Amino acid sequence: MPTQEDVPDGPEPDIELIRPEDFLPSNRYPHDARRMGIDHYTGLDGAWIGLASALDSRKPSHRLLAVVLLILFIGSFALALWGQWHY
């Protein structure tokens, strides 16, 4: 039961409530990655997905970076396979 001290005398002031989402960083990860639980706290895998999802295919420099990343990933995989079969 509210007492006289709990009830304000005048109209309530206009207060902008702060939500917890206001303090959280924006989630730039694709929906599939978020569904798997990958976020910026995931580590190196999350960082690579975050970098790839931030690329814009309309920018030539982003396309070049995507090609370089693709060559690095395929090259490291090919070297690992070559190392397994060579020895």
Protein backbone atom coordinates (compact mmCIF):
# COMPACT_ATOMS: atom_id res chain seq x y z
CA MET A 1 0.00 0.00 0.00
CA PRO A 2 1.61 3.28 -1.07
CA THR A 3 2.12 5.90 1.57
CA GLN A 4 1.91 9.66 1.14
CA GLU A 5 5.70 9.82 0.67
CA ASP A 6 5.62 7.32 -2.22
CA VAL A 7 3.12 9.26 -4.34
CA PRO A 8 4.62 12.26 -6.22
CA ASP A 9 2.85 15.60 -5.90
CA GLY A 10 2.93 16.70 -9.52
CA PRO A 11 2.91 15.06 -12.93
CA GLU A 12 5.63 12.54 -13.62
CA PRO A 13 8.69 14.03 -15.33
CA ASP A 14 9.58 12.93 -18.84
CA ILE A 15 12.31 10.40 -18.24
CA GLU A 16 14.06 8.57 -21.03
CA LEU A 17 14.62 5.05 -19.81
CA ILE A 18 17.95 3.42 -20.61
CA ARG A 19 17.73 -0.11 -21.93
CA PRO A 20 20.53 -2.68 -21.56
CA GLU A 21 20.81 -2.81 -25.37
CA ASP A 22 22.04 0.80 -25.32
CA PHE A 23 25.28 -0.32 -23.71
CA LEU A 24 25.85 -3.46 -25.77
CA PRO A 25 27.93 -3.25 -28.95
CA SER A 26 26.08 -3.69 -32.21
CA ASN A 27 26.08 -7.24 -33.56
CA ARG A 28 27.45 -7.14 -37.11
CA TYR A 29 27.52 -10.89 -37.55
CA PRO A 30 25.23 -12.63 -40.05
CA HIS A 31 22.09 -14.30 -38.75
CA ASP A 32 23.54 -17.79 -39.31
CA ALA A 33 26.62 -16.98 -37.22
CA ARG A 34 24.49 -15.50 -34.43
CA ARG A 35 22.29 -18.61 -34.48
CA MET A 36 25.41 -20.76 -33.98
CA GLY A 37 26.42 -18.56 -31.03
CA ILE A 38 29.32 -16.77 -32.68
CA ASP A 39 29.87 -13.22 -31.49
CA HIS A 40 32.79 -10.90 -30.81
CA TYR A 41 33.69 -12.95 -27.72
CA THR A 42 34.12 -16.20 -29.69
CA GLY A 43 37.80 -15.71 -30.44
CA LEU A 44 39.67 -16.06 -33.69
CA ASP A 45 36.84 -17.79 -35.56
CA GLY A 46 34.45 -15.03 -34.58
CA ALA A 47 36.99 -12.42 -35.63
CA TRP A 48 37.36 -13.94 -39.11
CA ILE A 49 33.59 -14.14 -39.55
CA GLY A 50 33.24 -10.57 -38.30
CA LEU A 51 35.86 -9.37 -40.78
CA ALA A 52 34.27 -11.23 -43.67
CA SER A 53 30.78 -9.96 -42.83
CA ALA A 54 32.04 -6.36 -42.68
CA LEU A 55 33.32 -6.46 -46.27
CA ASP A 56 31.32 -4.59 -48.90
CA SER A 57 31.34 -6.21 -52.35
CA ARG A 58 30.84 -2.82 -54.06
CA LYS A 59 34.27 -1.57 -52.95
CA PRO A 60 37.27 -2.78 -55.00
CA SER A 61 39.58 -2.80 -51.98
CA HIS A 62 37.17 -5.07 -50.10
CA ARG A 63 37.00 -7.43 -53.07
CA LEU A 64 40.81 -7.54 -53.19
CA LEU A 65 40.95 -8.31 -49.47
CA ALA A 66 38.40 -11.10 -49.94
CA VAL A 67 40.52 -12.64 -52.72
CA VAL A 68 43.67 -12.40 -50.58
CA LEU A 69 41.88 -14.05 -47.65
CA LEU A 70 40.59 -16.80 -49.92
CA ILE A 71 44.10 -17.44 -51.25
CA LEU A 72 45.48 -17.55 -47.70
CA PHE A 73 42.85 -20.02 -46.50
CA ILE A 74 43.11 -22.28 -49.53
CA GLY A 75 46.91 -22.02 -49.53
CA SER A 76 47.24 -23.01 -45.89
CA PHE A 77 44.86 -25.93 -46.43
CA ALA A 78 46.78 -27.05 -49.52
CA LEU A 79 50.11 -26.81 -47.66
CA ALA A 80 48.71 -28.86 -44.79
CA LEU A 81 47.52 -31.55 -47.22
CA TRP A 82 50.84 -31.52 -49.07
CA GLY A 83 52.67 -31.91 -45.77
CA GLN A 84 50.52 -34.92 -44.86
CA TRP A 85 51.04 -36.67 -48.17
CA HIS A 86 54.66 -35.69 -48.73
CA TYR A 87 56.06 -37.33 -45.59
